[in-house]
Amino acid sequence: MLAQQLEALSVRLEALESRLADFDRVISGLEGAALTTARSLQEISSHWDSVYEAMRRIEDADVGQFESGQE
């Protein structure tokens, strides 16, 4: 009877270990997706920084033309 219970526990333990291995693979995939998302967001942020900088240069040039036209 004890051997049967140990065998049942062994089967359950193997099933749990298998599920943990599945979780490890899922977590690894999620970590990779999170890194990809972070890099993409960083690229988007850099793009918008460039857009805003270009807009500031245009505004500065417009203000400079306005000021030089009043002299």
N, C-alpha and C. Protein backbone atom coordinates (compact mmCIF):
# COMPACT_ATOMS: atom_id res chain seq x y z
N MET A 1 0.81 -1.19 0.00
CA MET A 1 0.00 0.00 0.00
C MET A 1 0.87 1.27 0.00
N LEU A 2 1.91 1.27 0.79
CA LEU A 2 2.82 2.40 0.83
C LEU A 2 3.47 2.61 -0.54
N ALA A 3 3.85 1.54 -1.19
CA ALA A 3 4.47 1.63 -2.52
C ALA A 3 3.49 2.24 -3.52
N GLN A 4 2.23 1.91 -3.42
CA GLN A 4 1.22 2.47 -4.32
C GLN A 4 1.08 3.98 -4.09
N GLN A 5 1.07 4.38 -2.84
CA GLN A 5 0.95 5.80 -2.53
C GLN A 5 2.18 6.57 -3.01
N LEU A 6 3.35 5.98 -2.83
CA LEU A 6 4.58 6.62 -3.32
C LEU A 6 4.56 6.74 -4.83
N GLU A 7 4.07 5.70 -5.49
CA GLU A 7 3.98 5.73 -6.95
C GLU A 7 3.01 6.84 -7.40
N ALA A 8 1.87 6.97 -6.71
CA ALA A 8 0.90 8.02 -7.05
C ALA A 8 1.51 9.40 -6.83
N LEU A 9 2.24 9.56 -5.73
CA LEU A 9 2.92 10.83 -5.48
C LEU A 9 3.98 11.12 -6.53
N SER A 10 4.68 10.10 -6.94
CA SER A 10 5.71 10.25 -7.97
C SER A 10 5.09 10.73 -9.28
N VAL A 11 3.96 10.16 -9.64
CA VAL A 11 3.27 10.56 -10.87
C VAL A 11 2.83 12.02 -10.76
N ARG A 12 2.27 12.38 -9.61
CA ARG A 12 1.81 13.77 -9.41
C ARG A 12 2.99 14.74 -9.45
N LEU A 13 4.11 14.33 -8.85
CA LEU A 13 5.30 15.18 -8.85
C LEU A 13 5.82 15.38 -10.27
N GLU A 14 5.84 14.34 -11.05
CA GLU A 14 6.29 14.46 -12.45
C GLU A 14 5.37 15.40 -13.23
N ALA A 15 4.08 15.30 -12.98
CA ALA A 15 3.13 16.18 -13.66
C ALA A 15 3.37 17.63 -13.26
N LEU A 16 3.62 17.87 -11.98
CA LEU A 16 3.91 19.23 -11.51
C LEU A 16 5.21 19.76 -12.12
N GLU A 17 6.23 18.92 -12.20
CA GLU A 17 7.49 19.34 -12.79
C GLU A 17 7.31 19.69 -14.26
N SER A 18 6.49 18.93 -14.94
CA SER A 18 6.21 19.20 -16.35
C SER A 18 5.49 20.54 -16.50
N ARG A 19 4.52 20.80 -15.63
CA ARG A 19 3.81 22.07 -15.69
C ARG A 19 4.74 23.24 -15.37
N LEU A 20 5.64 23.05 -14.40
CA LEU A 20 6.60 24.10 -14.07
C LEU A 20 7.51 24.40 -15.26
N ALA A 21 7.91 23.37 -15.98
CA ALA A 21 8.74 23.58 -17.17
C ALA A 21 7.97 24.38 -18.21
N ASP A 22 6.67 24.08 -18.35
CA ASP A 22 5.83 24.85 -19.27
C ASP A 22 5.77 26.31 -18.84
N PHE A 23 5.59 26.55 -17.55
CA PHE A 23 5.55 27.92 -17.03
C PHE A 23 6.86 28.64 -17.30
N ASP A 24 7.97 27.94 -17.11
CA ASP A 24 9.28 28.56 -17.37
C ASP A 24 9.39 28.99 -18.83
N ARG A 25 8.89 28.17 -19.76
CA ARG A 25 8.93 28.53 -21.18
C ARG A 25 8.03 29.74 -21.45
N VAL A 26 6.86 29.76 -20.84
CA VAL A 26 5.95 30.89 -21.03
C VAL A 26 6.56 32.16 -20.47
N ILE A 27 7.12 32.08 -19.28
CA ILE A 27 7.73 33.25 -18.66
C ILE A 27 8.88 33.76 -19.51
N SER A 28 9.67 32.87 -20.04
CA SER A 28 10.78 33.27 -20.90
C SER A 28 10.27 33.99 -22.14
N GLY A 29 9.20 33.47 -22.72
CA GLY A 29 8.61 34.14 -23.88
C GLY A 29 8.06 35.50 -23.53
N LEU A 30 7.43 35.63 -22.37
CA LEU A 30 6.89 36.92 -21.94
C LEU A 30 8.00 37.93 -21.68
N GLU A 31 9.10 37.45 -21.11
CA GLU A 31 10.23 38.35 -20.89
C GLU A 31 10.78 38.87 -22.21
N GLY A 32 10.88 37.98 -23.19
CA GLY A 32 11.34 38.40 -24.52
C GLY A 32 10.39 39.41 -25.15
N ALA A 33 9.09 39.17 -25.01
CA ALA A 33 8.10 40.11 -25.55
C ALA A 33 8.18 41.45 -24.83
N ALA A 34 8.42 41.43 -23.54
CA ALA A 34 8.53 42.68 -22.77
C ALA A 34 9.76 43.48 -23.23
N LEU A 35 10.86 42.79 -23.47
CA LEU A 35 12.06 43.48 -23.95
C LEU A 35 11.83 44.09 -25.33
N THR A 36 11.18 43.33 -26.21
CA THR A 36 10.88 43.83 -27.55
C THR A 36 9.97 45.05 -27.47
N THR A 37 8.97 44.99 -26.60
CA THR A 37 8.06 46.11 -26.42
C THR A 37 8.80 47.34 -25.89
N ALA A 38 9.67 47.14 -24.92
CA ALA A 38 10.43 48.26 -24.35
C ALA A 38 11.32 48.90 -25.41
N ARG A 39 11.97 48.08 -26.23
CA ARG A 39 12.82 48.64 -27.28
C ARG A 39 11.99 49.41 -28.31
N SER A 40 10.85 48.86 -28.66
CA SER A 40 9.97 49.53 -29.62
C SER A 40 9.48 50.87 -29.07
N LEU A 41 9.09 50.89 -27.81
CA LEU A 41 8.64 52.14 -27.20
C LEU A 41 9.77 53.16 -27.14
N GLN A 42 10.98 52.68 -26.90
CA GLN A 42 12.13 53.58 -26.88
C GLN A 42 12.36 54.19 -28.27
N GLU A 43 12.22 53.38 -29.32
CA GLU A 43 12.37 53.88 -30.68
C GLU A 43 11.29 54.90 -31.01
N ILE A 44 10.05 54.62 -30.60
CA ILE A 44 8.95 55.55 -30.84
C ILE A 44 9.20 56.86 -30.11
N SER A 45 9.64 56.77 -28.88
CA SER A 45 9.94 57.96 -28.09
C SER A 45 11.03 58.79 -28.75
N SER A 46 12.06 58.13 -29.24
CA SER A 46 13.14 58.82 -29.92
C SER A 46 12.63 59.51 -31.18
N HIS A 47 11.75 58.83 -31.91
CA HIS A 47 11.17 59.43 -33.11
C HIS A 47 10.41 60.70 -32.76
N TRP A 48 9.56 60.64 -31.73
CA TRP A 48 8.77 61.81 -31.36
C TRP A 48 9.65 62.92 -30.81
N ASP A 49 10.74 62.58 -30.13
CA ASP A 49 11.69 63.61 -29.70
C ASP A 49 12.23 64.36 -30.91
N SER A 50 12.54 63.62 -31.98
CA SER A 50 13.05 64.24 -33.20
C SER A 50 11.99 65.13 -33.85
N VAL A 51 10.75 64.65 -33.85
CA VAL A 51 9.66 65.44 -34.42
C VAL A 51 9.50 66.75 -33.64
N TYR A 52 9.46 66.66 -32.31
CA TYR A 52 9.30 67.87 -31.50
C TYR A 52 10.47 68.82 -31.67
N GLU A 53 11.68 68.27 -31.79
CA GLU A 53 12.85 69.12 -31.99
C GLU A 53 12.75 69.85 -33.33
N ALA A 54 12.31 69.15 -34.37
CA ALA A 54 12.13 69.79 -35.68
C ALA A 54 11.07 70.87 -35.60
N MET A 55 9.99 70.62 -34.87
CA MET A 55 8.93 71.63 -34.73
C MET A 55 9.46 72.86 -34.00
N ARG A 56 10.30 72.66 -32.98
CA ARG A 56 10.88 73.80 -32.25
C ARG A 56 11.79 74.61 -33.17
N ARG A 57 12.56 73.92 -34.01
CA ARG A 57 13.45 74.65 -34.94
C ARG A 57 12.63 75.49 -35.91
N ILE A 58 11.52 74.94 -36.39
CA ILE A 58 10.67 75.70 -37.30
C ILE A 58 10.07 76.90 -36.58
N GLU A 59 9.59 76.69 -35.36
CA GLU A 59 9.03 77.80 -34.59
C GLU A 59 10.08 78.87 -34.31
N ASP A 60 11.29 78.43 -33.96
CA ASP A 60 12.37 79.38 -33.71
C ASP A 60 12.70 80.17 -34.97
N ALA A 61 12.70 79.49 -36.11
CA ALA A 61 12.99 80.18 -37.37
C ALA A 61 11.89 81.17 -37.70
N ASP A 62 10.63 80.79 -37.45
CA ASP A 62 9.51 81.71 -37.69
C ASP A 62 9.60 82.92 -36.78
N VAL A 63 9.94 82.74 -35.54
CA VAL A 63 10.08 83.86 -34.60
C VAL A 63 11.25 84.75 -35.04
N GLY A 64 12.33 84.14 -35.48
CA GLY A 64 13.47 84.90 -35.95
C GLY A 64 13.14 85.74 -37.18
N GLN A 65 12.35 85.21 -38.09
CA GLN A 65 11.94 85.97 -39.27
C GLN A 65 11.03 87.12 -38.86
N PHE A 66 10.16 86.87 -37.92
CA PHE A 66 9.24 87.92 -37.45
C PHE A 66 10.03 89.05 -36.79
N GLU A 67 11.00 88.70 -35.98
CA GLU A 67 11.80 89.71 -35.29
C GLU A 67 12.66 90.49 -36.27
N SER A 68 13.24 89.83 -37.26
CA SER A 68 14.10 90.55 -38.20
C SER A 68 13.27 91.41 -39.16
N GLY A 69 12.02 91.07 -39.36
CA GLY A 69 11.14 91.85 -40.23
C GLY A 69 10.68 93.12 -39.56
N GLN A 70 10.76 93.23 -38.26
CA GLN A 70 10.29 94.42 -37.55
C GLN A 70 11.40 95.44 -37.37
N GLU A 71 12.58 95.10 -37.69
CA GLU A 71 13.70 96.02 -37.49
C GLU A 71 13.69 97.12 -38.52
